């Protein structure tokens, strides 16, 4: 009962925060950044309580629990990024998705119990989830960057566009996040090679290959940025392609195994 109350509170706060940040789209006014981010901070704390209560404070890697955990990390990182750079518009994308995943995990998904795993695997999974979360924020920024560039090309200078951070700041932050995510993804592959037995077996072959493909995609983008100054649509496309491959690597095979084949439940 307490968990459900926390879930409803977190959902309402995430949606209210997104609404405050989306105000330029809804009414043409300025975004309520300070209020919205304060609401989101309380939502993140409530979300932490949900994860600790529902999953007994352990690392639950079942499909919907893992999605909710990733959404929590992404939302928390969104708040941290805003302490460093004013990109509150990220919350318009991140917070509603997080609210949706809380609904699924708390009210629709079957109850699960965390598996007992060794500390080495916990380290590997923690690094992997952090890498995925950082690159998820980069993908959301890439979407904002594409929207900004399209609006500028078509001279659509509405209030919502003025509410977004400058294009150069968005692009600079995008590549900083991709660099951090690439480093974490590299560490993920290294810890996987060191700690995961039979990395290319037990349904892990597809995940391993796709993770390497995503690593190569982001590595190519960073090299192109450094060597040839890649930016704009090419950067957006490669970021979204890399993120799509990583999404398949992290959750594609898990979805098939748990939701279709009903294994690992």
Protein backbone atom coordinates (compact mmCIF):
# COMPACT_ATOMS: atom_id res chain seq x y z
CA UNK A 1 0.00 0.00 0.00
CA UNK A 2 2.78 2.45 0.94
CA UNK A 3 4.63 1.58 -2.28
CA UNK A 4 1.53 2.35 -4.34
CA UNK A 5 1.11 5.72 -2.61
CA UNK A 6 4.77 6.54 -3.31
CA UNK A 7 4.31 5.44 -6.91
CA UNK A 8 1.28 7.69 -7.40
CA UNK A 9 3.15 10.59 -5.79
CA UNK A 10 6.23 10.09 -7.99
CA UNK A 11 4.08 9.78 -11.14
CA UNK A 12 2.17 12.99 -10.34
CA UNK A 13 5.37 14.91 -9.55
CA UNK A 14 7.21 13.74 -12.66
CA UNK A 15 4.25 14.75 -14.86
CA UNK A 16 3.88 18.10 -13.08
CA UNK A 17 7.61 18.77 -13.53
CA UNK A 18 7.38 17.91 -17.24
CA UNK A 19 4.33 20.17 -17.58
CA UNK A 20 6.18 23.07 -15.96
CA UNK A 21 9.12 22.63 -18.32
CA UNK A 22 6.82 22.22 -21.35
CA UNK A 23 4.92 25.44 -20.58
CA UNK A 24 6.34 27.23 -23.68
CA UNK A 25 4.86 24.46 -25.85
CA UNK A 26 1.50 24.48 -24.06
CA UNK A 27 0.83 28.19 -23.53
CA UNK A 28 3.74 30.15 -24.96
CA UNK A 29 4.89 31.29 -21.51
CA UNK A 30 8.29 30.84 -19.95
CA UNK A 31 9.17 27.45 -18.43
CA UNK A 32 8.82 27.14 -14.65
CA UNK A 33 12.33 25.75 -14.32
CA UNK A 34 13.00 26.18 -10.61
CA UNK A 35 9.61 24.85 -9.52
CA UNK A 36 9.69 22.01 -12.07
CA UNK A 37 13.16 20.84 -11.09
CA UNK A 38 12.21 21.01 -7.39
CA UNK A 39 9.18 18.81 -8.08
CA UNK A 40 11.37 16.44 -10.08
CA UNK A 41 13.84 16.19 -7.19
CA UNK A 42 11.04 15.07 -4.84
CA UNK A 43 9.85 12.66 -7.54
CA UNK A 44 13.33 11.14 -7.78
CA UNK A 45 13.44 10.65 -4.00
CA UNK A 46 10.00 9.01 -4.09
CA UNK A 47 11.16 6.83 -6.97
CA UNK A 48 14.14 5.72 -4.89
CA UNK A 49 11.74 4.72 -2.12
CA UNK A 50 9.71 2.66 -4.62
CA UNK A 51 12.79 0.80 -5.84
CA UNK A 52 14.03 0.12 -2.33
CA UNK A 53 10.60 -1.05 -1.15
CA UNK A 54 9.50 -3.12 -4.13
CA UNK A 55 12.83 -4.78 -4.78
CA UNK A 56 14.05 -5.04 -1.18
CA UNK A 57 16.98 -2.69 -1.68
CA UNK A 58 18.65 -5.16 -4.05
CA UNK A 59 19.60 -5.00 -7.72
CA UNK A 60 16.58 -6.47 -9.50
CA UNK A 61 17.43 -7.11 -13.15
CA UNK A 62 14.05 -8.40 -14.30
CA UNK A 63 12.77 -6.57 -17.38
CA UNK A 64 10.35 -3.99 -15.94
CA UNK A 65 12.32 -3.54 -12.71
CA UNK A 66 15.47 -2.85 -14.73
CA UNK A 67 13.62 -0.33 -16.91
CA UNK A 68 12.35 1.49 -13.82
CA UNK A 69 15.85 1.50 -12.34
CA UNK A 70 17.34 2.95 -15.54
CA UNK A 71 14.59 5.59 -15.64
CA UNK A 72 15.42 6.53 -12.04
CA UNK A 73 19.13 6.92 -12.85
CA UNK A 74 18.38 8.92 -16.01
CA UNK A 75 16.05 11.26 -14.09
CA UNK A 76 18.59 11.75 -11.31
CA UNK A 77 21.35 12.43 -13.85
CA UNK A 78 19.07 14.92 -15.63
CA UNK A 79 18.84 16.89 -12.39
CA UNK A 80 22.62 16.71 -11.87
CA UNK A 81 23.30 17.84 -15.44
CA UNK A 82 21.10 20.89 -14.80
CA UNK A 83 23.37 21.90 -11.92
CA UNK A 84 26.16 22.10 -14.49
CA UNK A 85 24.38 23.28 -17.65
CA UNK A 86 20.88 24.84 -18.06
CA UNK A 87 19.20 22.10 -20.10
CA UNK A 88 15.98 21.67 -18.14
CA UNK A 89 14.12 20.97 -21.40
CA UNK A 90 15.53 17.45 -21.16
CA UNK A 91 12.90 16.81 -18.51
CA UNK A 92 10.13 17.22 -21.10
CA UNK A 93 11.35 13.97 -22.64
CA UNK A 94 12.76 12.17 -19.60
CA UNK A 95 10.18 12.74 -16.86
CA UNK A 96 7.02 11.52 -18.67
CA UNK A 97 8.83 8.35 -19.77
CA UNK A 98 9.94 7.76 -16.20
CA UNK A 99 6.35 8.21 -14.97
CA UNK A 100 5.14 5.69 -17.54
CA UNK A 101 7.73 3.11 -16.47
CA UNK A 102 6.75 3.55 -12.82
CA UNK A 103 3.13 2.84 -13.77
CA UNK A 104 4.17 -0.36 -15.53
CA UNK A 105 6.57 -1.59 -12.84
CA UNK A 106 4.36 -0.69 -9.86
CA UNK A 107 0.86 -1.52 -11.12
CA UNK A 108 1.04 -3.74 -14.21
CA UNK A 109 4.17 -5.90 -14.07
CA UNK A 110 4.15 -9.18 -12.12
CA UNK A 111 6.04 -9.08 -8.80
CA UNK A 112 9.67 -10.23 -8.97
CA UNK A 113 12.46 -11.00 -6.54
CA UNK A 114 16.10 -10.02 -7.14
CA UNK A 115 18.50 -12.81 -7.97
CA UNK A 116 21.55 -13.30 -5.76
CA UNK A 117 24.61 -12.17 -7.72
CA UNK A 118 28.30 -11.80 -6.88
CA UNK A 119 29.87 -8.40 -6.27
CA UNK A 120 31.83 -8.63 -9.53
CA UNK A 121 28.63 -8.99 -11.54
CA UNK A 122 27.02 -6.20 -9.50
CA UNK A 123 29.96 -3.95 -10.43
CA UNK A 124 29.63 -4.88 -14.10
CA UNK A 125 25.87 -4.29 -14.10
CA UNK A 126 26.18 -0.98 -12.21
CA UNK A 127 28.72 0.35 -14.71
CA UNK A 128 26.57 -0.89 -17.60
CA UNK A 129 23.41 0.78 -16.27
CA UNK A 130 25.28 4.03 -15.68
CA UNK A 131 26.71 3.94 -19.22
CA UNK A 132 23.24 3.26 -20.64
CA UNK A 133 21.74 6.10 -18.59
CA UNK A 134 24.38 8.67 -19.61
CA UNK A 135 24.02 7.75 -23.28
CA UNK A 136 20.21 7.89 -22.93
CA UNK A 137 20.51 11.52 -21.85
CA UNK A 138 22.82 12.11 -24.82
CA UNK A 139 20.14 10.64 -27.11
CA UNK A 140 17.50 12.94 -25.59
CA UNK A 141 19.84 15.89 -26.16
CA UNK A 142 20.34 14.76 -29.76
CA UNK A 143 16.57 14.93 -30.25
CA UNK A 144 16.52 18.47 -28.81
CA UNK A 145 19.43 19.41 -31.07
CA UNK A 146 17.59 18.10 -34.14
CA UNK A 147 14.44 20.05 -33.18
CA UNK A 148 16.46 23.25 -32.66
CA UNK A 149 18.29 22.93 -35.98
CA UNK A 150 15.09 22.24 -37.89
CA UNK A 151 13.35 25.22 -36.29
CA UNK A 152 16.27 27.53 -37.10
CA UNK A 153 16.41 26.34 -40.72
CA UNK A 154 12.71 27.07 -41.13
CA UNK A 155 12.92 30.33 -39.13
CA UNK A 156 10.39 29.15 -36.54
CA UNK A 157 11.39 31.47 -33.69
CA UNK A 158 8.64 30.68 -31.19
CA UNK A 159 8.79 31.15 -27.39
CA UNK A 160 9.51 27.43 -26.98
CA UNK A 161 12.70 27.79 -29.04
CA UNK A 162 13.90 30.70 -26.92
CA UNK A 163 13.32 28.54 -23.82
CA UNK A 164 15.89 26.01 -25.06
CA UNK A 165 19.61 26.45 -24.35
CA UNK A 166 21.81 27.88 -27.14
CA UNK A 167 22.56 25.44 -29.95
CA UNK A 168 26.31 25.48 -29.31
CA UNK A 169 25.78 24.68 -25.63
CA UNK A 170 23.47 21.77 -26.47
CA UNK A 171 25.97 20.38 -28.96
CA UNK A 172 28.92 20.79 -26.59
CA UNK A 173 27.07 19.02 -23.78
CA UNK A 174 25.99 16.28 -26.20
CA UNK A 175 29.58 15.36 -27.02
CA UNK A 176 30.68 15.60 -23.39
CA UNK A 177 27.98 13.13 -22.42
CA UNK A 178 28.84 10.84 -25.33
CA UNK A 179 32.49 10.93 -24.26
CA UNK A 180 31.58 10.02 -20.67
CA UNK A 181 29.14 7.33 -21.84
CA UNK A 182 31.74 5.89 -24.23
CA UNK A 183 34.28 5.63 -21.40
CA UNK A 184 31.70 3.88 -19.19
CA UNK A 185 30.69 1.58 -22.05
CA UNK A 186 34.36 0.67 -22.54
CA UNK A 187 34.58 -0.16 -18.84
CA UNK A 188 31.37 -2.21 -19.19
CA UNK A 189 32.91 -4.35 -21.93
CA UNK A 190 36.13 -4.77 -19.94
CA UNK A 191 34.35 -5.83 -16.74
CA UNK A 192 32.16 -8.15 -18.78
CA UNK A 193 35.21 -9.83 -20.28
CA UNK A 194 36.80 -10.14 -16.83
CA UNK A 195 33.86 -11.13 -14.66
CA UNK A 196 31.16 -12.74 -16.82
CA UNK A 197 31.67 -16.45 -17.44
CA UNK A 198 31.04 -17.63 -21.00
CA UNK A 199 30.38 -14.09 -22.27
CA UNK A 200 29.30 -15.34 -25.70
CA UNK A 201 27.02 -18.07 -24.35
CA UNK A 202 23.87 -18.41 -22.23
CA UNK A 203 21.90 -15.91 -24.35
CA UNK A 204 24.69 -13.32 -23.96
CA UNK A 205 26.13 -13.56 -27.49
CA UNK A 206 23.61 -11.16 -29.02
CA UNK A 207 23.98 -8.71 -26.12
CA UNK A 208 27.78 -8.81 -26.38
CA UNK A 209 27.87 -8.32 -30.16
CA UNK A 210 25.33 -5.48 -30.10
CA UNK A 211 27.19 -3.76 -27.23
CA UNK A 212 30.38 -3.88 -29.29
CA UNK A 213 28.54 -2.47 -32.33
CA UNK A 214 27.18 0.39 -30.18
CA UNK A 215 30.69 0.99 -28.78
CA UNK A 216 32.09 1.19 -32.32
CA UNK A 217 29.29 3.58 -33.36
CA UNK A 218 29.92 6.01 -30.51
CA UNK A 219 33.69 5.64 -30.96
CA UNK A 220 33.37 6.49 -34.66
CA UNK A 221 31.29 9.56 -33.80
CA UNK A 222 33.85 10.80 -31.26
CA UNK A 223 36.71 10.21 -33.70
CA UNK A 224 34.81 12.03 -36.46
CA UNK A 225 34.14 14.93 -34.12
CA UNK A 226 37.82 15.13 -33.11
CA UNK A 227 39.33 14.56 -36.56
CA UNK A 228 36.76 16.04 -38.95
CA UNK A 229 34.57 18.28 -36.78
CA UNK A 230 31.39 16.23 -37.29
CA UNK A 231 28.28 17.96 -35.97
CA UNK A 232 24.66 18.65 -36.79
CA UNK A 233 22.52 15.99 -38.43
CA UNK A 234 25.36 13.48 -38.76
CA UNK A 235 26.03 13.67 -35.01
CA UNK A 236 22.31 13.33 -34.25
CA UNK A 237 21.91 10.33 -36.55
CA UNK A 238 24.94 8.44 -35.20
CA UNK A 239 23.92 9.16 -31.60
CA UNK A 240 20.40 7.81 -32.15
CA UNK A 241 21.67 4.79 -34.11
CA UNK A 242 24.16 3.95 -31.34
CA UNK A 243 21.47 4.35 -28.70
CA UNK A 244 19.02 2.15 -30.63
CA UNK A 245 21.65 -0.62 -30.90
CA UNK A 246 22.45 -0.27 -27.20
CA UNK A 247 18.75 -0.47 -26.34
CA UNK A 248 18.52 -3.73 -28.26
CA UNK A 249 21.66 -4.99 -26.52
CA UNK A 250 20.43 -4.19 -23.01
CA UNK A 251 16.72 -4.90 -23.27
CA UNK A 252 16.01 -6.64 -26.59
CA UNK A 253 17.08 -10.15 -25.65
CA UNK A 254 15.74 -9.66 -22.10
CA UNK A 255 12.31 -8.77 -23.51
CA UNK A 256 12.27 -11.89 -25.68
CA UNK A 257 13.41 -14.18 -22.86
CA UNK A 258 11.11 -12.83 -20.16
CA UNK A 259 8.01 -11.60 -21.99
CA UNK A 260 7.80 -14.12 -24.86
CA UNK A 261 9.69 -17.22 -23.75
CA UNK A 262 8.98 -16.66 -20.02
CA UNK A 263 12.50 -17.52 -18.95
CA UNK A 264 14.43 -15.81 -16.17
CA UNK A 265 11.26 -14.66 -14.39
